[in-house]
Amino acid sequence: MFSLEVSQEARNWLAEKGYDRAMGARPMARVIQDNLKKPLANELLFGSLVDGGQVTVALDKEKNELTYGFQSAQKHKAEAAH
């Protein structure tokens, strides 16, 4: 299991990218696929989230793209113990 925290700026970015005047919110599925599901898949299957953990998604304003922070469950537990 993992938790996902998405900053308000990242949510706004997703909403802007996922909406089209002509198509409404139909592009949202692709935006979520490309910008959330795909980046998380490798971490869940092979990376730091194999045993669960925490994901933080934020917006890099300079690059106008999302950034991802991954913290494994083991590291999260160790930090909580201190």
C-alpha atoms as a PDB file:
ATOM      1  CA  MET A   1       0.000   0.000   0.000  1.00  0.00           C
ATOM      2  CA  PHE A   2       1.171   3.535  -0.655  1.00  0.00           C
ATOM      3  CA  SER A   3      -0.159   7.001   0.001  1.00  0.00           C
ATOM      4  CA  LEU A   4      -0.309   9.716  -2.626  1.00  0.00           C
ATOM      5  CA  GLU A   5      -0.097  13.412  -1.841  1.00  0.00           C
ATOM      6  CA  VAL A   6      -0.638  15.845  -4.720  1.00  0.00           C
ATOM      7  CA  SER A   7       0.013  19.541  -4.104  1.00  0.00           C
ATOM      8  CA  GLN A   8      -2.668  22.065  -5.003  1.00  0.00           C
ATOM      9  CA  GLU A   9      -0.404  23.514  -7.710  1.00  0.00           C
ATOM     10  CA  ALA A  10       0.016  20.051  -9.234  1.00  0.00           C
ATOM     11  CA  ARG A  11      -3.760  19.505  -9.097  1.00  0.00           C
ATOM     12  CA  ASN A  12      -4.329  22.795 -10.886  1.00  0.00           C
ATOM     13  CA  TRP A  13      -1.744  21.816 -13.529  1.00  0.00           C
ATOM     14  CA  LEU A  14      -3.475  18.460 -14.061  1.00  0.00           C
ATOM     15  CA  ALA A  15      -6.861  20.183 -14.352  1.00  0.00           C
ATOM     16  CA  GLU A  16      -5.533  22.668 -16.916  1.00  0.00           C
ATOM     17  CA  LYS A  17      -3.800  19.972 -18.983  1.00  0.00           C
ATOM     18  CA  GLY A  18      -6.775  17.618 -18.746  1.00  0.00           C
ATOM     19  CA  TYR A  19      -9.440  20.010 -19.976  1.00  0.00           C
ATOM     20  CA  ASP A  20     -10.141  20.996 -23.557  1.00  0.00           C
ATOM     21  CA  ARG A  21     -12.894  23.413 -24.601  1.00  0.00           C
ATOM     22  CA  ALA A  22     -14.020  21.198 -27.463  1.00  0.00           C
ATOM     23  CA  MET A  23     -13.726  17.852 -25.680  1.00  0.00           C
ATOM     24  CA  GLY A  24     -14.402  18.804 -22.068  1.00  0.00           C
ATOM     25  CA  ALA A  25     -12.594  16.574 -19.571  1.00  0.00           C
ATOM     26  CA  ARG A  26     -12.028  13.655 -21.968  1.00  0.00           C
ATOM     27  CA  PRO A  27      -8.269  14.356 -22.216  1.00  0.00           C
ATOM     28  CA  MET A  28      -8.012  13.981 -18.414  1.00  0.00           C
ATOM     29  CA  ALA A  29      -7.655  10.187 -18.675  1.00  0.00           C
ATOM     30  CA  ARG A  30      -4.573  10.549 -20.870  1.00  0.00           C
ATOM     31  CA  VAL A  31      -3.087  13.250 -18.634  1.00  0.00           C
ATOM     32  CA  ILE A  32      -3.511  11.007 -15.585  1.00  0.00           C
ATOM     33  CA  GLN A  33      -2.100   8.021 -17.483  1.00  0.00           C
ATOM     34  CA  ASP A  34       0.965   9.901 -18.724  1.00  0.00           C
ATOM     35  CA  ASN A  35       1.680  12.009 -15.650  1.00  0.00           C
ATOM     36  CA  LEU A  36       0.628   9.841 -12.707  1.00  0.00           C
ATOM     37  CA  LYS A  37       0.154   6.185 -13.611  1.00  0.00           C
ATOM     38  CA  LYS A  38       3.232   5.705 -15.796  1.00  0.00           C
ATOM     39  CA  PRO A  39       5.728   7.440 -13.472  1.00  0.00           C
ATOM     40  CA  LEU A  40       4.376   5.493 -10.487  1.00  0.00           C
ATOM     41  CA  ALA A  41       4.256   2.089 -12.191  1.00  0.00           C
ATOM     42  CA  ASN A  42       8.021   1.466 -12.270  1.00  0.00           C
ATOM     43  CA  GLU A  43       8.435   2.577  -8.672  1.00  0.00           C
ATOM     44  CA  LEU A  44       5.581   0.305  -7.572  1.00  0.00           C
ATOM     45  CA  LEU A  45       6.883  -2.703  -9.479  1.00  0.00           C
ATOM     46  CA  PHE A  46      10.661  -2.336  -9.287  1.00  0.00           C
ATOM     47  CA  GLY A  47      11.631   0.725  -7.272  1.00  0.00           C
ATOM     48  CA  SER A  48      11.331   2.263  -3.866  1.00  0.00           C
ATOM     49  CA  LEU A  49       7.586   1.551  -3.550  1.00  0.00           C
ATOM     50  CA  VAL A  50       7.768  -2.251  -3.909  1.00  0.00           C
ATOM     51  CA  ASP A  51       6.909  -2.608  -0.217  1.00  0.00           C
ATOM     52  CA  GLY A  52       4.679   0.465  -0.139  1.00  0.00           C
ATOM     53  CA  GLY A  53       5.474   3.980   0.920  1.00  0.00           C
ATOM     54  CA  GLN A  54       4.607   7.570   0.245  1.00  0.00           C
ATOM     55  CA  VAL A  55       4.489   9.525  -3.027  1.00  0.00           C
ATOM     56  CA  THR A  56       4.511  13.301  -3.204  1.00  0.00           C
ATOM     57  CA  VAL A  57       3.631  15.038  -6.474  1.00  0.00           C
ATOM     58  CA  ALA A  58       4.411  18.730  -6.905  1.00  0.00           C
ATOM     59  CA  LEU A  59       4.805  21.225  -9.730  1.00  0.00           C
ATOM     60  CA  ASP A  60       8.152  22.572 -10.887  1.00  0.00           C
ATOM     61  CA  LYS A  61       7.036  26.036 -11.968  1.00  0.00           C
ATOM     62  CA  GLU A  62      10.210  26.808 -13.918  1.00  0.00           C
ATOM     63  CA  LYS A  63       9.973  23.665 -16.048  1.00  0.00           C
ATOM     64  CA  ASN A  64       6.148  23.579 -15.965  1.00  0.00           C
ATOM     65  CA  GLU A  65       6.171  19.858 -15.208  1.00  0.00           C
ATOM     66  CA  LEU A  66       5.343  17.577 -12.334  1.00  0.00           C
ATOM     67  CA  THR A  67       7.976  16.315  -9.926  1.00  0.00           C
ATOM     68  CA  TYR A  68       7.743  13.122  -7.901  1.00  0.00           C
ATOM     69  CA  GLY A  69       9.103  12.278  -4.487  1.00  0.00           C
ATOM     70  CA  PHE A  70       9.179   8.606  -3.492  1.00  0.00           C
ATOM     71  CA  GLN A  71       9.721   7.402   0.047  1.00  0.00           C
ATOM     72  CA  SER A  72       9.748   3.670   0.734  1.00  0.00           C
ATOM     73  CA  ALA A  73       7.645   2.275   3.569  1.00  0.00           C
ATOM     74  CA  GLN A  74      10.796   1.095   5.332  1.00  0.00           C
ATOM     75  CA  LYS A  75      12.385   4.545   5.224  1.00  0.00           C
ATOM     76  CA  HIS A  76       9.093   6.154   6.277  1.00  0.00           C
ATOM     77  CA  LYS A  77       8.842   3.804   9.296  1.00  0.00           C
ATOM     78  CA  ALA A  78      12.470   4.469  10.268  1.00  0.00           C
ATOM     79  CA  GLU A  79      11.963   8.237  10.156  1.00  0.00           C
ATOM     80  CA  ALA A  80       8.722   7.985  12.149  1.00  0.00           C
ATOM     81  CA  ALA A  81      10.537   6.027  14.876  1.00  0.00           C
ATOM     82  CA  HIS A  82      13.021   8.861  15.511  1.00  0.00           C
END
